[in-house]
Amino acid sequence: MFSNQLLSPRSRLGLFISFLGIGIGLFAGFLVGANPQMLGATLIVVVLIIWFFAKFEQAVISLLILRSSLDIFYAQQIPAAFAVGLDALTLLYVITQLLTGKAVKVDKFWWFFAGWVALQGVSVILLSLGGLGLDSSHLPEAIREWVRLFSWLMAYLLIMQLQKRMHPNKIINALFLSLVAPLTAATLQLILPSSLLPPLLAPRARAITDIEGASRINGTLGHANTFATFLIFFLGLTYWKLEKSQQRLPWLLLMGVITFFVVSTKTLIGLVMTLVLMIVVIAPKFSPLNVISCILLLIVTVSLFASTDFGRERLASVADTPLFNPDMDISRSILLSHSDGNSFNWRLAHWDHLLKAWKQSPILGYGLAATPVVGGNEAHNDYVRWLVEGGIAGLGLFLAFLGANFVRLAKLWFSSPPGSPQKELSLVLIATLIAVSVGMLTENIWSHTALLFYWIAICALVGWDWDDSQTVEK
């Protein structure tokens, strides 16, 4: 006869562990019969789970640092497996906390973020029911994209659980280790010929035009543009550390190293985003020294970029677009895009094609990650991408997400004490968001998972009470 009283937290946890153990045992038995080699992988997963709970703080930081090293294994599905594993570990942690009667730390913005991710899931459901512009054969890619978004939500949630366990400054310092693998790989790509590099580290050559046919370094991020935007975010964080640190020389040297590698990616949008980032960071605290520092950094960056044949040709190609050539309109650019090899004119033609396709499904679009199917290539404009994939509703939700982030960070900046680390970090995050929003006009920034993964992680901790965070939970 069962008692009417609810089980105690310890009993609930014991019951949960029992069921989990039974499930793992049954799964392991199935694997032994189906594929004995998979048993070893299951045992590794069990060890990782034990480590995750036994060394929670170190495990979370280690997982965050690891993310910057995974994109070169895209063909092996490692980034996707990482996202699924991170989601599973986070949900397992939340269940354990709830069963033991412990609090799961969240903030108001996390609830907004969770609601936004849930609304993106509606697109997946509609696609499975045949309610969008594509049939259900595209469903696996849509699910994959939704899991990617969900993993950002879980990363935010994991960082929130470190509140009162680690000081924010210590977490940010640890995340700088995320630069080690990408910069090491990029260095090898610069000093060694491609024939001597492991296949995974060999920089990809782009063949859209003769100008872009040259190989460009990408570190461990898989693409030069992805590497550049990742570095630009850490350039902002380095500037923040430089402003607040008493030992400025190491951070000044790191800023120089990051700037060098941003230029070495040979990405024009990287220069534009760096310019936007520095202007926004410098603008609220106008002083001759800050202005001179910003100007010098930009001069060095542009000079390095223009010092190569590739850089000069890229800058010259911009002059043959409607942006800087009054004799060329959009219609002519579209016509010339098939023969002039100008990547910007190609973008205009591609956007025209995507917008015509969008008109066939204007309200709800074609579903997550559908742009390559609809247009034959990525959008190279994230606003056009969201219009095609989510329709007017999806673009509205996307702009709402960007706007909500900006409003939250702006409130933190205004409410934080003058000169405080939290206030200055809020400004760096605002500058990054504005730079990203500008970059989205001509690039696929939304697909730069590493950049947004780390940006969201830092956004989670900037809202903490930093003074109270110095008290560590026992």
Protein backbone atom coordinates (compact mmCIF):
# COMPACT_ATOMS: atom_id res chain seq x y z
CA MET A 1 0.00 0.00 0.00
CA PHE A 2 1.50 3.32 -1.06
CA SER A 3 1.79 6.31 1.24
CA ASN A 4 -0.15 9.42 0.36
CA GLN A 5 2.90 11.55 1.10
CA LEU A 6 5.08 12.70 -1.73
CA LEU A 7 8.50 11.13 -2.09
CA SER A 8 11.38 13.05 -0.54
CA PRO A 9 13.90 14.70 -2.88
CA ARG A 10 16.47 11.99 -2.08
CA SER A 11 13.93 9.26 -2.85
CA ARG A 12 12.94 10.90 -6.12
CA LEU A 13 16.59 11.16 -7.13
CA GLY A 14 17.18 7.52 -6.19
CA LEU A 15 14.20 6.43 -8.24
CA PHE A 16 15.38 8.51 -11.20
CA ILE A 17 18.91 7.04 -10.99
CA SER A 18 17.44 3.55 -10.82
CA PHE A 19 15.38 4.03 -13.95
CA LEU A 20 18.33 5.70 -15.67
CA GLY A 21 20.59 2.77 -14.75
CA ILE A 22 18.03 0.27 -16.03
CA GLY A 23 17.72 2.23 -19.27
CA ILE A 24 21.48 2.37 -19.77
CA GLY A 25 21.74 -1.37 -19.03
CA LEU A 26 19.05 -2.25 -21.54
CA PHE A 27 20.59 0.03 -24.15
CA ALA A 28 24.05 -1.45 -23.57
CA GLY A 29 22.63 -4.96 -23.93
CA PHE A 30 20.98 -3.98 -27.19
CA LEU A 31 24.25 -2.55 -28.50
CA VAL A 32 26.17 -5.71 -27.60
CA GLY A 33 23.73 -7.71 -29.71
CA ALA A 34 23.50 -5.21 -32.58
CA ASN A 35 27.03 -3.77 -32.72
CA PRO A 36 29.53 -4.74 -30.01
CA GLN A 37 31.85 -1.88 -31.00
CA MET A 38 29.24 0.64 -29.84
CA LEU A 39 29.45 -0.65 -26.27
CA GLY A 40 32.75 1.20 -25.81
CA ALA A 41 31.12 4.45 -26.93
CA THR A 42 28.31 3.91 -24.41
CA LEU A 43 30.81 3.41 -21.61
CA ILE A 44 32.57 6.63 -22.60
CA VAL A 45 29.24 8.47 -22.45
CA VAL A 46 28.61 7.10 -18.93
CA VAL A 47 32.05 8.27 -17.80
CA LEU A 48 31.39 11.72 -19.28
CA ILE A 49 28.08 11.97 -17.42
CA ILE A 50 29.75 11.05 -14.14
CA TRP A 51 32.50 13.61 -14.78
CA PHE A 52 29.93 16.26 -15.69
CA PHE A 53 28.15 15.94 -12.36
CA ALA A 54 31.27 15.38 -10.23
CA LYS A 55 33.18 18.36 -11.67
CA PHE A 56 30.33 20.52 -12.87
CA GLU A 57 32.10 23.89 -13.10
CA GLN A 58 35.18 22.48 -14.83
CA ALA A 59 33.00 20.38 -17.16
CA VAL A 60 30.88 23.33 -18.29
CA ILE A 61 33.91 25.53 -18.97
CA SER A 62 35.69 22.66 -20.76
CA LEU A 63 32.68 22.05 -23.02
CA LEU A 64 32.49 25.74 -23.89
CA ILE A 65 36.20 25.90 -24.71
CA LEU A 66 35.95 22.75 -26.82
CA ARG A 67 33.31 24.21 -29.15
CA SER A 68 35.79 26.37 -31.08
CA SER A 69 37.70 23.26 -32.21
CA LEU A 70 34.87 21.28 -33.76
CA ASP A 71 33.80 22.90 -37.04
CA ILE A 72 36.59 21.26 -39.03
CA PHE A 73 34.83 17.96 -38.28
CA TYR A 74 31.59 19.13 -39.89
CA ALA A 75 31.63 16.31 -42.45
CA GLN A 76 31.89 13.79 -39.60
CA GLN A 77 28.82 15.35 -37.89
CA ILE A 78 30.85 16.16 -34.76
CA PRO A 79 29.39 19.68 -34.22
CA ALA A 80 25.88 18.22 -34.47
CA ALA A 81 26.77 15.44 -32.03
CA PHE A 82 28.23 18.04 -29.66
CA ALA A 83 25.00 20.05 -29.77
CA VAL A 84 22.88 16.98 -29.03
CA GLY A 85 25.22 15.91 -26.22
CA LEU A 86 25.23 19.39 -24.69
CA ASP A 87 21.43 19.50 -24.80
CA ALA A 88 21.14 16.05 -23.20
CA LEU A 89 23.61 16.85 -20.41
CA THR A 90 21.87 20.14 -19.64
CA LEU A 91 18.42 18.56 -19.53
CA LEU A 92 19.76 15.74 -17.34
CA TYR A 93 21.23 18.32 -14.97
CA VAL A 94 17.94 20.25 -14.82
CA ILE A 95 15.97 17.07 -14.09
CA THR A 96 18.40 16.14 -11.33
CA GLN A 97 18.16 19.61 -9.77
CA LEU A 98 14.37 19.51 -9.80
CA LEU A 99 14.21 15.99 -8.36
CA THR A 100 16.51 16.99 -5.49
CA GLY A 101 14.53 20.13 -4.74
CA LYS A 102 17.32 22.48 -5.84
CA ALA A 103 16.78 25.65 -7.81
CA VAL A 104 17.55 25.93 -11.51
CA LYS A 105 18.88 29.45 -12.06
CA VAL A 106 17.33 31.39 -14.94
CA ASP A 107 16.63 35.04 -15.66
CA LYS A 108 13.79 36.84 -17.44
CA PHE A 109 15.61 36.92 -20.74
CA TRP A 110 16.10 33.15 -20.68
CA TRP A 111 12.32 32.71 -20.64
CA PHE A 112 12.03 35.03 -23.64
CA PHE A 113 14.79 33.09 -25.38
CA ALA A 114 13.08 29.78 -24.60
CA GLY A 115 9.78 31.06 -26.00
CA TRP A 116 11.53 32.27 -29.15
CA VAL A 117 13.22 28.88 -29.70
CA ALA A 118 9.89 27.13 -29.08
CA LEU A 119 8.23 29.28 -31.76
CA GLN A 120 10.92 28.23 -34.22
CA GLY A 121 9.85 24.66 -33.51
CA VAL A 122 6.43 25.48 -34.94
CA SER A 123 8.12 25.78 -38.33
CA VAL A 124 9.43 22.22 -37.96
CA ILE A 125 5.97 20.93 -37.05
CA LEU A 126 4.33 22.71 -39.98
CA LEU A 127 6.97 21.35 -42.34
CA SER A 128 6.31 17.79 -41.13
CA LEU A 129 2.60 18.32 -41.82
CA GLY A 130 3.23 19.70 -45.30
CA GLY A 131 2.05 23.16 -44.30
CA LEU A 132 5.00 25.10 -45.75
CA GLY A 133 6.51 25.66 -49.17
CA LEU A 134 8.55 22.41 -49.10
CA ASP A 135 7.57 18.83 -48.50
CA SER A 136 8.63 16.76 -45.49
CA SER A 137 11.77 15.44 -47.23
CA HIS A 138 13.50 18.57 -45.96
CA LEU A 139 12.49 17.76 -42.36
CA PRO A 140 15.89 16.34 -41.18
CA GLU A 141 17.69 19.57 -42.09
CA ALA A 142 15.02 21.67 -40.36
CA ILE A 143 15.30 19.55 -37.20
CA ARG A 144 19.07 19.88 -37.32
CA GLU A 145 18.77 23.67 -37.49
CA TRP A 146 16.30 23.76 -34.60
CA VAL A 147 18.63 21.61 -32.46
CA ARG A 148 21.40 24.12 -33.20
CA LEU A 149 19.21 26.96 -31.88
CA PHE A 150 18.17 24.87 -28.88
CA SER A 151 21.83 24.21 -28.02
CA TRP A 152 22.39 27.98 -27.70
CA LEU A 153 19.51 28.10 -25.23
CA MET A 154 21.09 25.24 -23.28
CA ALA A 155 24.49 26.98 -23.29
CA TYR A 156 22.81 30.07 -21.81
CA LEU A 157 21.17 27.88 -19.18
CA LEU A 158 24.44 26.13 -18.28
CA ILE A 159 26.24 29.44 -17.80
CA MET A 160 23.41 30.59 -15.51
CA GLN A 161 24.04 27.58 -13.25
CA LEU A 162 27.57 28.86 -12.57
CA GLN A 163 26.21 31.95 -10.86
CA LYS A 164 27.60 32.18 -7.30
CA ARG A 165 29.93 29.28 -8.13
CA MET A 166 32.41 31.20 -10.26
CA HIS A 167 33.06 34.90 -10.74
CA PRO A 168 32.16 36.16 -14.26
CA ASN A 169 35.67 37.48 -14.81
CA LYS A 170 37.11 34.02 -14.13
CA ILE A 171 34.73 32.45 -16.64
CA ILE A 172 35.66 34.97 -19.34
CA ASN A 173 39.36 34.46 -18.69
CA ALA A 174 38.87 30.71 -19.14
CA LEU A 175 36.95 31.22 -22.40
CA PHE A 176 39.98 32.93 -23.91
CA LEU A 177 41.42 29.41 -24.10
CA SER A 178 38.92 28.92 -26.93
CA LEU A 179 41.39 30.88 -29.07
CA VAL A 180 44.23 28.38 -28.65
CA ALA A 181 43.13 25.70 -31.14
CA PRO A 182 41.87 28.07 -33.89
CA LEU A 183 44.95 30.32 -33.72
CA THR A 184 47.32 27.33 -33.65
CA ALA A 185 45.65 25.85 -36.72
CA ALA A 186 45.66 29.26 -38.46
CA THR A 187 49.39 29.64 -37.76
CA LEU A 188 50.07 26.27 -39.36
CA GLN A 189 47.96 27.30 -42.36
CA LEU A 190 50.07 30.44 -42.76
CA ILE A 191 53.52 28.91 -42.44
CA LEU A 192 53.04 25.50 -44.06
CA PRO A 193 52.00 24.67 -47.63
CA SER A 194 48.64 22.97 -47.96
CA SER A 195 50.33 19.74 -49.06
CA LEU A 196 51.97 19.39 -45.64
CA LEU A 197 48.82 20.12 -43.63
CA PRO A 198 46.42 17.43 -42.41
CA PRO A 199 43.38 17.38 -44.73
CA LEU A 200 41.11 18.78 -42.00
CA LEU A 201 43.35 21.84 -41.54
CA ALA A 202 43.98 22.58 -45.20
CA PRO A 203 42.25 25.92 -45.94
CA ARG A 204 39.54 25.62 -48.53
CA ALA A 205 39.92 27.38 -51.86
CA ARG A 206 36.91 29.32 -53.08
CA ALA A 207 36.10 29.23 -56.77
CA ILE A 208 33.26 31.75 -57.11
CA THR A 209 35.62 34.21 -58.80
CA ASP A 210 39.25 34.43 -59.74
CA ILE A 211 39.75 36.89 -56.90
CA GLU A 212 38.37 34.47 -54.34
CA GLY A 213 40.16 31.48 -55.80
CA ALA A 214 43.02 31.93 -53.34
CA SER A 215 43.11 29.81 -50.19
CA ARG A 216 42.24 31.71 -47.01
CA ILE A 217 42.98 30.64 -43.48
CA ASN A 218 40.07 29.42 -41.40
CA GLY A 219 41.67 28.03 -38.25
CA THR A 220 39.42 25.29 -36.92
CA LEU A 221 36.23 27.12 -37.93
CA GLY A 222 35.90 25.61 -41.42
CA HIS A 223 35.50 28.90 -43.32
CA ALA A 224 37.47 32.14 -43.44
CA ASN A 225 34.43 34.33 -42.77
CA THR A 226 33.41 32.21 -39.77
CA PHE A 227 36.94 32.44 -38.38
CA ALA A 228 37.00 36.22 -38.90
CA THR A 229 33.74 36.91 -37.04
CA PHE A 230 34.79 34.61 -34.20
CA LEU A 231 38.03 36.58 -33.86
CA ILE A 232 36.23 39.92 -34.01
CA PHE A 233 34.13 38.97 -30.99
CA PHE A 234 37.25 38.05 -29.03
CA LEU A 235 38.86 41.28 -30.24
CA GLY A 236 36.08 43.11 -28.41
CA LEU A 237 36.58 40.99 -25.28
CA THR A 238 40.34 41.65 -25.43
CA TYR A 239 39.69 45.38 -25.63
CA TRP A 240 37.48 45.05 -22.54
CA LYS A 241 40.25 43.20 -20.68
CA LEU A 242 42.79 45.79 -21.82
CA GLU A 243 40.67 48.60 -20.40
CA LYS A 244 40.20 46.91 -17.01
CA SER A 245 43.49 45.11 -16.46
CA GLN A 246 46.43 46.53 -14.55
CA GLN A 247 48.78 44.42 -16.70
CA ARG A 248 47.95 45.85 -20.10
CA LEU A 249 50.88 44.56 -22.17
CA PRO A 250 49.69 40.91 -22.52
CA TRP A 251 46.24 42.04 -23.64
CA LEU A 252 47.74 44.60 -26.00
CA LEU A 253 49.86 41.87 -27.58
CA LEU A 254 46.83 39.57 -27.87
CA MET A 255 44.87 42.37 -29.56
CA GLY A 256 47.66 42.71 -32.10
CA VAL A 257 47.72 38.95 -32.73
CA ILE A 258 43.95 38.78 -33.21
CA THR A 259 44.00 41.79 -35.55
CA PHE A 260 46.73 40.14 -37.63
CA PHE A 261 44.70 36.96 -38.04
CA VAL A 262 41.49 38.89 -38.83
CA VAL A 263 43.36 40.54 -41.71
CA SER A 264 44.89 37.21 -42.74
CA THR A 265 41.41 35.74 -43.31
CA LYS A 266 41.15 38.16 -46.28
CA THR A 267 37.50 38.89 -45.57
CA LEU A 268 36.20 42.31 -46.52
CA ILE A 269 33.24 41.97 -44.17
CA GLY A 270 35.74 41.34 -41.37
CA LEU A 271 37.19 44.81 -41.92
CA VAL A 272 33.72 46.38 -41.93
CA MET A 273 32.65 44.58 -38.74
CA THR A 274 35.92 45.53 -37.01
CA LEU A 275 35.30 49.16 -37.93
CA VAL A 276 31.73 49.04 -36.58
CA LEU A 277 32.83 47.29 -33.38
CA MET A 278 35.53 49.85 -32.59
CA ILE A 279 33.33 52.86 -33.39
CA VAL A 280 30.55 51.65 -31.08
CA VAL A 281 32.97 50.79 -28.27
CA ILE A 282 34.81 54.12 -28.50
CA ALA A 283 31.81 56.42 -29.08
CA PRO A 284 30.39 56.62 -25.48
CA LYS A 285 33.76 57.53 -23.95
CA PHE A 286 35.12 60.00 -26.45
CA SER A 287 38.67 61.07 -25.67
CA PRO A 288 41.68 61.97 -27.80
CA LEU A 289 43.57 58.87 -26.65
CA ASN A 290 40.69 56.51 -27.48
CA VAL A 291 40.12 58.12 -30.87
CA ILE A 292 43.81 57.95 -31.75
CA SER A 293 43.98 54.30 -30.65
CA CYS A 294 40.94 53.42 -32.75
CA ILE A 295 42.26 55.25 -35.81
CA LEU A 296 45.67 53.60 -35.52
CA LEU A 297 44.09 50.13 -35.22
CA LEU A 298 41.94 50.74 -38.28
CA ILE A 299 44.84 52.15 -40.30
CA VAL A 300 46.97 49.13 -39.48
CA THR A 301 44.13 46.73 -40.28
CA VAL A 302 43.22 48.30 -43.63
CA SER A 303 46.88 48.75 -44.60
CA LEU A 304 47.63 45.10 -43.95
CA PHE A 305 44.58 44.05 -45.96
CA ALA A 306 45.45 46.37 -48.88
CA SER A 307 49.10 45.31 -48.87
CA THR A 308 48.27 42.06 -50.69
CA ASP A 309 47.15 41.63 -54.28
CA PHE A 310 44.07 39.79 -53.03
CA GLY A 311 43.12 42.67 -50.71
CA ARG A 312 43.61 45.34 -53.38
CA GLU A 313 41.50 43.39 -55.86
CA ARG A 314 38.75 42.89 -53.28
CA LEU A 315 38.65 46.61 -52.51
CA ALA A 316 38.69 47.46 -56.22
CA SER A 317 35.79 45.09 -56.89
CA VAL A 318 33.57 47.07 -54.53
CA ALA A 319 33.92 50.09 -56.82
CA ASP A 320 32.14 48.15 -59.58
CA THR A 321 28.88 47.89 -57.66
CA PRO A 322 25.81 50.17 -57.34
CA LEU A 323 27.07 51.20 -53.91
CA PHE A 324 29.99 53.20 -55.30
CA ASN A 325 29.35 53.44 -59.02
CA PRO A 326 26.55 55.88 -59.92
CA ASP A 327 26.52 54.61 -63.51
CA MET A 328 25.51 51.11 -62.44
CA ASP A 329 22.00 50.29 -61.24
CA ILE A 330 20.78 47.08 -59.66
CA SER A 331 19.30 45.69 -62.88
CA ARG A 332 22.59 46.08 -64.69
CA SER A 333 24.47 44.52 -61.79
CA ILE A 334 22.22 41.49 -61.95
CA LEU A 335 22.81 41.13 -65.68
CA LEU A 336 26.59 41.52 -65.29
CA SER A 337 26.75 39.09 -62.36
CA HIS A 338 26.88 36.13 -64.76
CA SER A 339 30.10 37.32 -66.40
CA ASP A 340 31.98 39.96 -64.37
CA GLY A 341 33.01 37.72 -61.45
CA ASN A 342 32.02 40.41 -58.93
CA SER A 343 30.81 38.71 -55.74
CA PHE A 344 28.62 41.64 -54.70
CA ASN A 345 26.83 41.72 -58.04
CA TRP A 346 26.39 37.96 -57.72
CA ARG A 347 24.74 38.59 -54.35
CA LEU A 348 22.29 41.05 -55.89
CA ALA A 349 21.27 38.50 -58.49
CA HIS A 350 20.97 35.77 -55.86
CA TRP A 351 18.82 37.93 -53.57
CA ASP A 352 16.57 38.78 -56.50
CA HIS A 353 16.12 35.06 -57.16
CA LEU A 354 15.36 34.32 -53.49
CA LEU A 355 12.86 37.16 -53.18
CA LYS A 356 10.99 35.90 -56.22
CA ALA A 357 10.84 32.45 -54.61
CA TRP A 358 9.69 33.96 -51.28
CA LYS A 359 6.65 35.48 -52.98
CA GLN A 360 5.35 31.94 -53.51
CA SER A 361 5.21 31.41 -49.71
CA PRO A 362 5.22 34.91 -48.21
CA ILE A 363 3.70 34.46 -44.74
CA LEU A 364 5.37 31.36 -43.25
CA GLY A 365 8.18 30.74 -45.74
CA TYR A 366 9.71 27.36 -46.59
CA GLY A 367 10.99 26.21 -43.18
CA LEU A 368 14.25 26.32 -41.24
CA ALA A 369 17.46 25.80 -43.25
CA ALA A 370 15.50 25.76 -46.52
CA THR A 371 17.41 28.54 -48.31
CA PRO A 372 19.97 26.29 -50.08
CA VAL A 373 17.10 24.14 -51.36
CA VAL A 374 15.07 27.10 -52.57
CA GLY A 375 17.92 29.17 -54.00
CA GLY A 376 20.66 26.66 -54.70
CA ASN A 377 23.03 28.44 -52.30
CA GLU A 378 23.11 30.13 -48.92
CA ALA A 379 21.42 33.54 -48.85
CA HIS A 380 24.53 35.66 -48.07
CA ASN A 381 22.07 37.97 -46.31
CA ASP A 382 20.52 36.75 -43.08
CA TYR A 383 17.50 39.04 -43.36
CA VAL A 384 16.68 37.58 -46.78
CA ARG A 385 17.33 34.14 -45.33
CA TRP A 386 14.77 34.61 -42.56
CA LEU A 387 12.27 36.05 -45.02
CA VAL A 388 12.62 32.98 -47.25
CA GLU A 389 12.69 30.40 -44.45
CA GLY A 390 10.17 31.97 -42.07
CA GLY A 391 8.23 34.36 -44.26
CA ILE A 392 7.06 37.67 -42.88
CA ALA A 393 6.32 35.98 -39.54
CA GLY A 394 9.81 34.49 -39.31
CA LEU A 395 11.58 37.71 -40.22
CA GLY A 396 9.49 39.55 -37.63
CA LEU A 397 10.48 37.03 -34.93
CA PHE A 398 14.12 37.30 -35.95
CA LEU A 399 14.11 41.09 -35.73
CA ALA A 400 12.30 40.81 -32.39
CA PHE A 401 15.07 38.53 -31.12
CA LEU A 402 17.79 40.96 -32.18
CA GLY A 403 15.83 43.88 -30.75
CA ALA A 404 15.19 42.17 -27.42
CA ASN A 405 18.90 41.44 -27.07
CA PHE A 406 19.77 45.04 -27.82
CA VAL A 407 17.19 46.40 -25.34
CA ARG A 408 18.38 44.06 -22.57
CA LEU A 409 22.04 44.95 -23.08
CA ALA A 410 21.25 48.66 -23.33
CA LYS A 411 19.35 48.52 -20.01
CA LEU A 412 22.31 46.77 -18.39
CA TRP A 413 24.67 49.40 -19.77
CA PHE A 414 22.56 52.29 -18.49
CA SER A 415 21.92 50.71 -15.07
CA SER A 416 25.46 49.54 -14.28
CA PRO A 417 27.75 51.80 -12.22
CA PRO A 418 30.00 54.07 -14.33
CA GLY A 419 33.34 52.47 -15.10
CA SER A 420 32.29 49.06 -13.79
CA PRO A 421 33.43 45.93 -15.66
CA GLN A 422 29.81 44.93 -16.16
CA LYS A 423 28.98 48.24 -17.84
CA GLU A 424 31.95 48.04 -20.19
CA LEU A 425 31.22 44.40 -21.06
CA SER A 426 27.62 45.32 -21.89
CA LEU A 427 28.97 47.89 -24.33
CA VAL A 428 31.23 45.32 -26.00
CA LEU A 429 28.26 42.96 -26.40
CA ILE A 430 26.16 45.80 -27.85
CA ALA A 431 29.00 46.65 -30.25
CA THR A 432 29.25 43.00 -31.30
CA LEU A 433 25.49 42.81 -31.87
CA ILE A 434 25.54 45.93 -34.04
CA ALA A 435 28.58 44.67 -35.98
CA VAL A 436 26.86 41.31 -36.50
CA SER A 437 23.66 43.04 -37.63
CA VAL A 438 25.67 44.97 -40.22
CA GLY A 439 27.55 41.83 -41.31
CA MET A 440 24.26 40.03 -41.81
CA LEU A 441 23.50 42.35 -44.74
CA THR A 442 25.96 40.55 -47.01
CA GLU A 443 27.06 37.39 -45.18
CA ASN A 444 25.67 34.22 -43.58
CA ILE A 445 26.54 35.35 -40.05
CA TRP A 446 23.60 33.43 -38.55
CA SER A 447 25.32 30.20 -39.59
CA HIS A 448 28.51 31.17 -37.69
CA THR A 449 27.73 28.90 -34.76
CA ALA A 450 30.95 29.45 -32.82
CA LEU A 451 30.57 33.24 -32.78
CA LEU A 452 26.96 33.18 -31.62
CA PHE A 453 27.59 30.32 -29.17
CA TYR A 454 30.22 32.34 -27.28
CA TRP A 455 28.35 35.62 -27.62
CA ILE A 456 25.23 34.09 -26.06
CA ALA A 457 27.32 32.52 -23.29
CA ILE A 458 28.77 35.92 -22.34
CA CYS A 459 25.30 37.49 -22.60
CA ALA A 460 24.14 35.03 -19.94
CA LEU A 461 26.66 36.15 -17.33
CA VAL A 462 26.69 39.89 -18.02
CA GLY A 463 23.31 40.18 -16.26
CA TRP A 464 24.55 38.67 -12.99
CA ASP A 465 25.10 40.63 -9.83
CA TRP A 466 28.86 40.71 -10.22
CA ASP A 467 29.55 41.80 -6.63
CA ASP A 468 27.37 38.98 -5.28
CA SER A 469 29.00 36.54 -7.73
CA GLN A 470 32.22 36.74 -5.75
CA THR A 471 30.50 34.66 -3.08
CA VAL A 472 30.97 31.03 -4.05
CA GLU A 473 28.41 28.40 -3.16
CA LYS A 474 29.66 25.59 -1.00
